[in-house]
Every structure is written in structure tokens, then in C-alpha cells.
């Protein structure tokens, strides 16, 4: 193997605008089979103010072995015995090494030069015109530093976004866990206490000594019944047990209740009566529709709403459309617009996304969830006991009664 080129005399590096200080010494790997051309390259680098430790290799095997070391710059001839500069460039990039690469050739066509640049070469030079070798080398090194810095920044940003998604998932999981715990307490403590009070009031009503006491007891019974209905409604909002009957049935029930409560015209449409979904997706889809309808009742000033559920191409889609006033750009950009932001974050927990289309004639919210992927079932994997200990003392005819999801 040829020996490294002797160190050339020290010379100050030229200043480059807005560039980080260059290394005191550049390590240059030179793929060249002609020793005279190698010496010429070394001279031009030195004339350009670059102190370089140049190591010359001639063969593919020697080049591959040399790539195990760290280099500041790679210079390569295009035509080599049994090898080429483009093949060397592909080798460098296939190894994932971000080393500046410049082709230096006696003859190189425009098509080859374009291909080399597309493949990741920083520059190409003719051996007959090496005057710009040093500036090209400095520019390639600086461009490479910029590219590495950008990749690191992109990686840090990607990691930050991933951590933010994981935090949102954790928070959502904590919320659902807390909701489940509160719902159980309401069912066990409040529901049990209200039932006991109803029995006691019923006994008092039967043994009331006069009609006035019986009437007051009856009023108390009505108040207890209202409280019991309120507790059932709160339990359902905290954790919708109706999902036991399937997402389609749950959304149909939600749409009917919304229409009765608000007086709006609600059309529910679905392409399938039964949809098999990965764990975690039904709850996310239900909460999406719940939040979308809540936004309609609060802000849309609409008279008609439609809820469409479809499954096609392995993707679940839920579309909620109203004929209200629409959302302006300012509405979507509000700093405290957590409703829409929450929809996006909730969708991401199962690998889905939310699309919003709005104009003065109405707004459409669409949840799309791929039904295969590592994200699906995230909540259920983190909360394996969320559905544990189902209560068996429930009314089978009441879709909101407490039970397993």
C-alpha cells in the first residue's frame, strides 16, 4: 500500500465568510492510481492554504479499508483500474458516512457530473484545472458541517416531537384511568347510597302517619331519582360503558341523545353495522365524536349535523359535519384553542390524524385511524387493568350502566 504523502509546510488557513474555524490539519483520502496526479493535487491544496495529511489508495479494497478511519475530505479520480469514482461515492454513502466527496478526473462528461452530484458528490473538477481545488474543498467541508448540524437539529426536533407525543399519550392515559376510578367511586359509593336512601324513603312513605308527610317523602324520592339519573349520566360521560355494544351502536346512541338534548337535526350514517377495531381505537373514536358534537353545540350555531362512520382500505373514518358559521383562521390560531388541539393529540395516540375543513357554510371534522400499526392499542397496553373488576350489579337494558368496555 502506498505511503501517506509527507506533511506539507504549515501555512495559515484563509478566512471563509461565516464559517466555523477549520481544523488545524485536514485528513484527506485520495483515491488515485497516478502518483504524479496525486502530487499535483497535494501542491494545489498547499497553494490554497490548506495543511493536509493526504493518504493515497489505488484499489477498491484499499479504499474500503481506509474508510474505517476518520477523514475530513475524500478526493477521487473517476477512472480507475476495475473501479470508478461513482462506485466509490456509492460505497461512502452506503456506509452512512457524511464525508465531503469531490471527483477529480482527467475527463468527465456532463451527464456523469450530473449523476455524481445527484448521488451526493459535493463537487467535480478537471485535472487540467485544479486552481479551484482548495476553495472547492473548503466549501465542501463547510457545506458538510452545515449538513451534519442540520441532521443533528432535525434528529433533536424529531426526538422532541416524539417525547411530546409520548407525554400526550401518557397524559391521556392518566386521564382515562382517573375517569375510570371516579366512575367506579360514583357507582359504588354515590349509587349505593342513593339506592339505600330510596329504600328508606319508600319505607317511610308506606308508614307515613299523614298525607303531608307522604307527599314530602314523595318529593324527596323524586329528588333522589333525579340525583340517580345524574350520577348515571356522569358515569357515562366519564367512561362510556355503551362501547360494550360496539362503536357503531355507541355513536348511534350518542347522536340520538345529542339530537334530543339540543333539538338539532342529526343524521347518523354508517357503511357497516359491526366494525372490528384494535384495542384503544373505539374509546378514541368515541371521544372524538363526543368532543366534535360538543363543539357544535357550543360554537357552531348550526341547525343540522351529520355523523358518518366508514371503514375502507384498512382505515376507520369518522366524519362530523355541521351547517354552522364555520371556523375562521383566528379561531384555529387561538392560543387557548385546546379543543381542536386535543382532537389531534388524541388521534395521534392510536396513529391517526384529524382533518378540518371549514367555511362560512359549515365545518367538517374527520378522524382517520389506520387499523394496523404499533400505535393501536397504546392505551390498553399501558392500562391492562382498566377494565378489571367489572361490576355485575348492572341493568342489562340500560346501555349506560357500569360494566366492561
Protein backbone atom coordinates (compact mmCIF):
# COMPACT_ATOMS: atom_id res chain seq x y z
CA UNK A 1 0.00 0.00 0.00
CA UNK A 2 1.39 3.47 -0.90
CA UNK A 3 2.64 5.51 1.99
CA UNK A 4 0.90 8.71 3.12
CA UNK A 5 2.11 11.84 1.44
CA UNK A 6 4.68 13.73 3.59
CA UNK A 7 3.29 16.65 5.58
CA UNK A 8 3.48 19.88 3.67
CA UNK A 9 4.81 23.09 5.29
CA UNK A 10 2.43 24.90 7.58
CA UNK A 11 0.53 27.85 6.16
CA UNK A 12 -2.28 29.95 7.61
CA UNK A 13 -5.78 28.98 6.56
CA UNK A 14 -7.70 31.54 4.52
CA UNK A 15 -10.69 33.09 6.22
CA UNK A 16 -14.08 31.96 4.95
CA UNK A 17 -17.13 34.17 5.49
CA UNK A 18 -19.48 33.00 8.27
CA UNK A 19 -17.60 29.69 8.51
CA UNK A 20 -16.55 27.81 11.61
CA UNK A 21 -12.79 27.61 12.14
CA UNK A 22 -11.27 24.85 10.03
CA UNK A 23 -9.24 22.02 11.57
CA UNK A 24 -5.56 22.67 12.13
CA UNK A 25 -4.89 19.76 9.79
CA UNK A 26 -7.15 18.14 7.24
CA UNK A 27 -7.03 14.41 6.76
CA UNK A 28 -7.62 13.73 3.07
CA UNK A 29 -8.22 10.33 1.50
CA UNK A 30 -7.20 10.35 -2.18
CA UNK A 31 -8.36 7.55 -4.49
CA UNK A 32 -5.86 7.90 -7.36
CA UNK A 33 -3.78 5.41 -9.35
CA UNK A 34 -1.36 8.03 -10.78
CA UNK A 35 1.27 9.25 -8.33
CA UNK A 36 2.02 12.33 -10.43
CA UNK A 37 -1.60 13.45 -10.33
CA UNK A 38 -1.59 12.80 -6.59
CA UNK A 39 1.42 15.09 -6.12
CA UNK A 40 -0.27 17.74 -8.24
CA UNK A 41 -3.35 17.63 -6.06
CA UNK A 42 -1.20 17.98 -2.93
CA UNK A 43 0.55 21.02 -4.38
CA UNK A 44 -2.70 22.80 -5.23
CA UNK A 45 -4.11 22.15 -1.77
CA UNK A 46 -0.97 23.61 -0.24
CA UNK A 47 -1.10 26.64 -2.52
CA UNK A 48 -4.68 27.18 -1.43
CA UNK A 49 -3.60 27.49 2.19
CA UNK A 50 -4.70 24.02 3.33
CA UNK A 51 -2.43 21.96 5.51
CA UNK A 52 -3.30 18.41 4.57
CA UNK A 53 -2.26 14.94 5.58
CA UNK A 54 -3.04 13.06 2.36
CA UNK A 55 -3.30 9.30 2.15
CA UNK A 56 -3.42 7.82 -1.36
CA UNK A 57 -5.06 4.49 -2.22
CA UNK A 58 -5.41 2.87 -5.64
CA UNK A 59 -7.77 -0.08 -5.30
CA UNK A 60 -11.28 -0.77 -4.11
CA UNK A 61 -10.02 -2.99 -1.29
CA UNK A 62 -7.59 -0.36 -0.02
CA UNK A 63 -10.27 2.33 -0.29
CA UNK A 64 -12.77 0.24 1.68
CA UNK A 65 -10.19 -0.49 4.37
CA UNK A 66 -9.28 3.20 4.63
CA UNK A 67 -12.93 4.16 5.17
CA UNK A 68 -12.71 2.59 8.63
CA UNK A 69 -10.74 5.72 9.66
CA UNK A 70 -11.93 9.29 10.03
CA UNK A 71 -11.40 11.67 7.12
CA UNK A 72 -12.14 15.35 6.57
CA UNK A 73 -12.29 15.05 2.78
CA UNK A 74 -12.29 12.42 0.03
CA UNK A 75 -10.87 13.15 -3.41
CA UNK A 76 -11.39 10.54 -6.11
CA UNK A 77 -10.39 10.01 -9.70
CA UNK A 78 -13.24 8.93 -11.94
CA UNK A 79 -11.49 6.23 -14.00
CA UNK A 80 -9.55 3.60 -12.04
CA UNK A 81 -8.47 0.07 -12.93
CA UNK A 82 -11.50 -2.10 -12.14
CA UNK A 83 -13.18 0.66 -10.15
CA UNK A 84 -14.74 4.11 -10.60
CA UNK A 85 -15.29 7.30 -8.69
CA UNK A 86 -19.07 6.82 -8.78
CA UNK A 87 -18.73 3.34 -7.24
CA UNK A 88 -16.51 4.83 -4.53
CA UNK A 89 -19.10 7.53 -3.86
CA UNK A 90 -21.84 4.90 -3.58
CA UNK A 91 -19.65 2.97 -1.14
CA UNK A 92 -19.16 6.02 1.08
CA UNK A 93 -22.86 6.88 1.13
CA UNK A 94 -23.94 3.25 1.67
CA UNK A 95 -21.82 3.20 4.82
CA UNK A 96 -23.68 6.27 6.06
CA UNK A 97 -20.51 8.35 6.23
CA UNK A 98 -21.02 12.08 5.82
CA UNK A 99 -17.63 12.87 4.35
CA UNK A 100 -17.23 15.59 1.70
CA UNK A 101 -16.57 13.89 -1.66
CA UNK A 102 -15.06 15.59 -4.73
CA UNK A 103 -14.47 13.93 -8.09
CA UNK A 104 -11.18 14.90 -9.74
CA UNK A 105 -10.82 13.48 -13.25
CA UNK A 106 -8.96 13.99 -16.48
CA UNK A 107 -12.17 13.60 -18.47
CA UNK A 108 -15.73 13.71 -17.21
CA UNK A 109 -18.87 14.22 -19.21
CA UNK A 110 -21.72 16.47 -18.19
CA UNK A 111 -24.08 13.52 -17.73
CA UNK A 112 -21.60 11.80 -15.40
CA UNK A 113 -21.07 15.01 -13.46
CA UNK A 114 -24.81 15.46 -13.01
CA UNK A 115 -25.17 11.84 -11.87
CA UNK A 116 -22.34 12.28 -9.39
CA UNK A 117 -23.95 15.39 -7.89
CA UNK A 118 -27.29 13.58 -7.64
CA UNK A 119 -25.59 10.69 -5.88
CA UNK A 120 -24.18 13.01 -3.23
CA UNK A 121 -20.86 14.31 -4.55
CA UNK A 122 -20.04 17.80 -3.34
CA UNK A 123 -18.22 18.88 -6.50
CA UNK A 124 -16.30 17.69 -9.57
CA UNK A 125 -13.09 19.11 -11.03
CA UNK A 126 -10.92 18.50 -14.09
CA UNK A 127 -7.28 17.68 -13.50
CA UNK A 128 -6.42 20.29 -16.11
CA UNK A 129 -7.98 23.00 -13.95
CA UNK A 130 -7.11 22.45 -10.28
CA UNK A 131 -6.85 26.13 -9.41
CA UNK A 132 -10.18 25.99 -7.59
CA UNK A 133 -9.43 22.72 -5.77
CA UNK A 134 -8.67 24.38 -2.43
CA UNK A 135 -11.73 26.70 -2.46
CA UNK A 136 -13.90 23.76 -3.53
CA UNK A 137 -12.50 21.64 -0.70
CA UNK A 138 -13.12 24.37 1.87
CA UNK A 139 -16.65 24.92 0.57
CA UNK A 140 -17.38 21.18 0.59
CA UNK A 141 -16.16 20.84 4.18
CA UNK A 142 -18.22 23.80 5.34
CA UNK A 143 -21.30 22.53 3.48
CA UNK A 144 -20.81 19.14 5.08
CA UNK A 145 -20.61 20.71 8.53
CA UNK A 146 -23.82 22.57 7.84
CA UNK A 147 -25.49 19.36 6.66
CA UNK A 148 -24.36 17.47 9.76
CA UNK A 149 -25.60 20.28 12.00
CA UNK A 150 -28.95 20.25 10.21
CA UNK A 151 -29.25 16.49 10.56
CA UNK A 152 -28.50 16.75 14.27
CA UNK A 153 -31.05 19.52 14.64
CA UNK A 154 -33.63 17.51 12.70
CA UNK A 155 -32.91 14.48 14.88
CA UNK A 156 -33.26 16.56 18.05
CA UNK A 157 -36.51 18.05 16.76
CA UNK A 158 -37.84 14.62 15.83
CA UNK A 159 -36.91 13.28 19.26
CA UNK A 160 -38.55 16.27 20.92
CA UNK A 161 -41.74 15.70 18.95
CA UNK A 162 -41.69 12.03 19.84
CA UNK A 163 -41.28 12.88 23.51
CA UNK A 164 -44.16 15.35 23.22
CA UNK A 165 -46.36 12.65 21.66
CA UNK A 166 -45.40 10.22 24.41
CA UNK A 167 -46.22 12.84 27.02
CA UNK A 168 -49.61 13.48 25.41
CA UNK A 169 -50.25 9.74 25.35
CA UNK A 170 -49.25 9.44 29.00
CA UNK A 171 -51.48 12.34 30.00
CA UNK A 172 -54.40 10.91 28.03
CA UNK A 173 -53.86 7.53 29.63
CA UNK A 174 -53.78 9.13 33.08
CA UNK A 175 -56.99 10.99 32.31
CA UNK A 176 -58.81 7.84 31.24
CA UNK A 177 -57.51 5.98 34.29
CA UNK A 178 -58.69 8.75 36.60
CA UNK A 179 -62.06 8.85 34.85
CA UNK A 180 -62.46 5.12 35.35
CA UNK A 181 -61.61 5.42 39.04
CA UNK A 182 -64.07 8.30 39.56
CA UNK A 183 -66.81 6.43 37.68
CA UNK A 184 -66.31 3.39 39.89
CA UNK A 185 -66.49 5.51 43.01
CA UNK A 186 -69.69 7.18 41.80
CA UNK A 187 -71.21 3.80 41.05
CA UNK A 188 -70.11 2.12 44.26
CA UNK A 189 -70.44 4.96 46.78
CA UNK A 190 -72.88 7.51 45.39
CA UNK A 191 -75.03 4.97 43.56
CA UNK A 192 -75.15 2.65 46.55
CA UNK A 193 -76.02 5.48 48.93
CA UNK A 194 -78.79 6.80 46.67
CA UNK A 195 -80.27 3.31 46.34
CA UNK A 196 -80.29 2.88 50.12
CA UNK A 197 -81.97 6.28 50.54
CA UNK A 198 -84.65 5.30 48.02
CA UNK A 199 -85.45 2.14 50.02
CA UNK A 200 -85.63 4.14 53.26
CA UNK A 201 -87.86 6.81 51.73
CA UNK A 202 -90.11 4.17 50.22
CA UNK A 203 -90.48 2.57 53.68
CA UNK A 204 -91.26 5.95 55.25
CA UNK A 205 -93.84 6.66 52.54
CA UNK A 206 -95.60 3.37 53.30
CA UNK A 207 -95.67 4.09 57.04
CA UNK A 208 -96.33 7.83 56.90
CA UNK A 209 -98.87 8.82 59.62
CA UNK A 210 -100.49 11.57 57.49
CA UNK A 211 -100.73 12.67 53.83
CA UNK A 212 -98.47 15.72 54.31
CA UNK A 213 -95.53 13.54 55.32
CA UNK A 214 -96.24 11.11 52.48
CA UNK A 215 -96.23 13.99 49.99
CA UNK A 216 -92.90 15.32 51.27
CA UNK A 217 -91.44 11.82 51.12
CA UNK A 218 -92.63 11.51 47.52
CA UNK A 219 -90.89 14.79 46.65
CA UNK A 220 -87.72 13.52 48.29
CA UNK A 221 -87.98 10.32 46.23
CA UNK A 222 -88.23 12.37 43.04
CA UNK A 223 -85.12 14.35 44.03
CA UNK A 224 -83.24 11.12 44.70
CA UNK A 225 -84.32 9.76 41.32
CA UNK A 226 -83.00 12.91 39.63
CA UNK A 227 -79.72 12.53 41.51
CA UNK A 228 -79.51 8.88 40.49
CA UNK A 229 -80.08 9.78 36.82
CA UNK A 230 -77.44 12.49 37.10
CA UNK A 231 -74.94 10.03 38.55
CA UNK A 232 -75.67 7.61 35.70
CA UNK A 233 -75.11 10.40 33.17
CA UNK A 234 -71.87 11.47 34.83
CA UNK A 235 -70.62 7.88 34.90
CA UNK A 236 -71.36 7.51 31.23
CA UNK A 237 -69.53 10.72 30.36
CA UNK A 238 -66.56 9.62 32.43
CA UNK A 239 -66.39 6.15 30.94
CA UNK A 240 -68.90 5.11 28.26
CA UNK A 241 -69.90 1.55 29.07
CA UNK A 242 -72.12 1.58 25.98
CA UNK A 243 -68.99 0.84 23.94
CA UNK A 244 -69.51 -2.76 25.03
CA UNK A 245 -72.17 -2.89 22.31
CA UNK A 246 -69.75 -1.69 19.63
CA UNK A 247 -68.58 1.66 18.31
CA UNK A 248 -71.37 1.96 15.75
CA UNK A 249 -74.08 1.38 18.34
CA UNK A 250 -72.40 3.79 20.76
CA UNK A 251 -72.16 6.59 18.16
CA UNK A 252 -75.77 5.99 17.09
CA UNK A 253 -76.87 6.30 20.72
CA UNK A 254 -74.73 9.42 21.20
CA UNK A 255 -76.21 11.04 18.08
CA UNK A 256 -79.78 10.33 19.22
CA UNK A 257 -79.12 11.75 22.68
CA UNK A 258 -77.45 14.82 21.18
CA UNK A 259 -80.46 15.44 18.94
CA UNK A 260 -82.88 15.16 21.87
CA UNK A 261 -80.78 17.38 24.12
CA UNK A 262 -80.08 20.17 21.61
CA UNK A 263 -83.07 20.00 19.27
CA UNK A 264 -80.76 19.89 16.22
CA UNK A 265 -81.37 17.63 13.24
CA UNK A 266 -78.79 14.83 13.47
CA UNK A 267 -78.25 12.30 10.68
CA UNK A 268 -76.24 9.20 11.52
CA UNK A 269 -74.89 7.11 8.64
CA UNK A 270 -72.61 4.09 8.57
CA UNK A 271 -71.33 1.71 5.94
CA UNK A 272 -71.22 -1.21 8.38
CA UNK A 273 -73.20 -2.24 11.41
CA UNK A 274 -70.28 -4.02 13.07
CA UNK A 275 -66.66 -2.90 12.89
CA UNK A 276 -63.83 -4.91 14.42
CA UNK A 277 -61.30 -2.46 15.85
CA UNK A 278 -57.93 -2.76 17.61
CA UNK A 279 -57.91 -2.11 21.37
CA UNK A 280 -57.89 1.57 22.26
CA UNK A 281 -59.40 2.77 18.98
CA UNK A 282 -63.11 2.61 19.99
CA UNK A 283 -62.57 4.88 23.00
CA UNK A 284 -60.54 7.39 20.96
CA UNK A 285 -63.19 7.41 18.21
CA UNK A 286 -65.98 7.83 20.75
CA UNK A 287 -64.23 10.73 22.50
CA UNK A 288 -63.55 12.36 19.11
CA UNK A 289 -67.23 12.30 18.18
CA UNK A 290 -68.19 13.46 21.67
CA UNK A 291 -65.84 16.45 21.52
CA UNK A 292 -66.86 17.29 17.95
CA UNK A 293 -70.57 17.35 18.86
CA UNK A 294 -69.81 19.39 21.97
CA UNK A 295 -68.03 21.97 19.81
CA UNK A 296 -71.06 22.07 17.51
CA UNK A 297 -73.45 22.76 20.39
CA UNK A 298 -71.21 25.43 21.90
CA UNK A 299 -69.86 27.35 18.91
CA UNK A 300 -71.26 26.33 15.52
CA UNK A 301 -74.76 27.91 15.70
CA UNK A 302 -75.86 25.06 13.43
CA UNK A 303 -79.27 23.56 12.70
CA UNK A 304 -78.13 20.28 11.12
CA UNK A 305 -75.37 17.81 11.96
CA UNK A 306 -74.32 14.57 10.29
CA UNK A 307 -72.16 11.79 11.71
CA UNK A 308 -70.69 9.34 9.17
CA UNK A 309 -68.77 6.19 10.11
CA UNK A 310 -66.92 4.25 7.40
CA UNK A 311 -64.23 1.61 7.14
CA UNK A 312 -62.43 1.28 3.83
CA UNK A 313 -58.91 0.37 2.79
CA UNK A 314 -57.96 -0.59 6.33
CA UNK A 315 -58.78 2.89 7.66
CA UNK A 316 -61.55 3.87 10.06
CA UNK A 317 -63.05 7.28 9.31
CA UNK A 318 -65.48 9.28 11.42
CA UNK A 319 -66.81 12.48 9.87
CA UNK A 320 -68.81 15.07 11.80
CA UNK A 321 -70.27 17.84 9.63
CA UNK A 322 -72.45 20.81 10.57
CA UNK A 323 -74.04 23.71 8.67
CA UNK A 324 -72.95 26.34 11.19
CA UNK A 325 -70.99 29.55 10.92
CA UNK A 326 -67.65 27.82 10.31
CA UNK A 327 -64.25 28.36 11.86
CA UNK A 328 -62.11 31.33 10.97
CA UNK A 329 -58.33 31.31 10.79
CA UNK A 330 -58.31 33.30 14.02
CA UNK A 331 -60.45 30.64 15.74
CA UNK A 332 -57.99 27.90 14.80
CA UNK A 333 -54.99 30.00 15.84
CA UNK A 334 -56.26 30.89 19.32
CA UNK A 335 -53.62 30.25 21.94
CA UNK A 336 -56.13 28.54 24.21
CA UNK A 337 -57.93 26.56 21.49
CA UNK A 338 -57.40 23.29 23.31
CA UNK A 339 -60.49 21.54 21.94
CA UNK A 340 -59.18 21.16 18.38
CA UNK A 341 -55.64 20.61 19.65
CA UNK A 342 -56.91 17.87 21.95
CA UNK A 343 -58.55 16.11 18.99
CA UNK A 344 -55.22 15.98 17.18
CA UNK A 345 -53.35 14.71 20.22
CA UNK A 346 -55.98 12.07 20.99
CA UNK A 347 -55.87 10.82 17.38
CA UNK A 348 -52.08 10.50 17.50
CA UNK A 349 -52.29 8.09 20.44
CA UNK A 350 -53.60 5.42 18.04
CA UNK A 351 -51.59 6.51 14.99
CA UNK A 352 -54.45 8.53 13.48
CA UNK A 353 -54.91 12.11 12.38
CA UNK A 354 -57.62 14.77 12.19
CA UNK A 355 -58.54 16.85 9.14
CA UNK A 356 -60.52 20.08 9.44
CA UNK A 357 -62.42 21.76 6.62
CA UNK A 358 -64.37 24.91 7.38
CA UNK A 359 -66.08 27.77 5.57
CA UNK A 360 -68.98 30.15 6.34
CA UNK A 361 -71.37 27.33 5.37
CA UNK A 362 -70.20 24.85 7.97
CA UNK A 363 -67.38 22.75 9.38
CA UNK A 364 -66.25 19.17 8.82
CA UNK A 365 -64.04 17.24 11.24
CA UNK A 366 -62.66 13.90 10.05
CA UNK A 367 -60.86 11.36 12.21
CA UNK A 368 -58.83 8.79 10.26
CA UNK A 369 -57.22 5.82 12.01
CA UNK A 370 -55.26 3.05 10.26
CA UNK A 371 -56.45 -0.22 11.73
CA UNK A 372 -52.99 -1.76 11.84
CA UNK A 373 -49.81 -0.35 13.33
CA UNK A 374 -47.77 -0.26 16.55
CA UNK A 375 -49.65 2.74 17.92
CA UNK A 376 -53.02 0.96 18.06
CA UNK A 377 -53.76 -0.38 21.50
CA UNK A 378 -51.34 2.01 23.19
CA UNK A 379 -53.77 3.00 25.95
CA UNK A 380 -54.83 -0.59 26.59
CA UNK A 381 -51.23 -1.78 26.78
CA UNK A 382 -50.43 0.85 29.38
CA UNK A 383 -53.63 0.17 31.30
CA UNK A 384 -54.07 -3.61 31.28
CA UNK A 385 -56.32 -3.41 34.36
CA UNK A 386 -58.52 -0.53 33.20
CA UNK A 387 -61.40 -2.94 32.62
CA UNK A 388 -60.66 -5.15 35.62
CA UNK A 389 -63.21 -5.92 38.30
CA UNK A 390 -66.37 -5.27 36.26
CA UNK A 391 -69.46 -4.66 38.35
CA UNK A 392 -72.03 -7.40 37.95
CA UNK A 393 -74.89 -5.47 39.58
CA UNK A 394 -76.00 -3.67 36.39
CA UNK A 395 -79.20 -3.28 34.44
CA UNK A 396 -78.83 -5.24 31.15
CA UNK A 397 -81.36 -2.93 29.46
CA UNK A 398 -79.52 0.25 30.41
CA UNK A 399 -76.75 0.98 27.86
CA UNK A 400 -75.11 3.44 30.23
CA UNK A 401 -74.83 1.06 33.15
CA UNK A 402 -71.40 0.37 34.56
CA UNK A 403 -69.54 -2.60 33.15
CA UNK A 404 -66.68 -3.67 30.96
CA UNK A 405 -65.88 -1.76 27.80
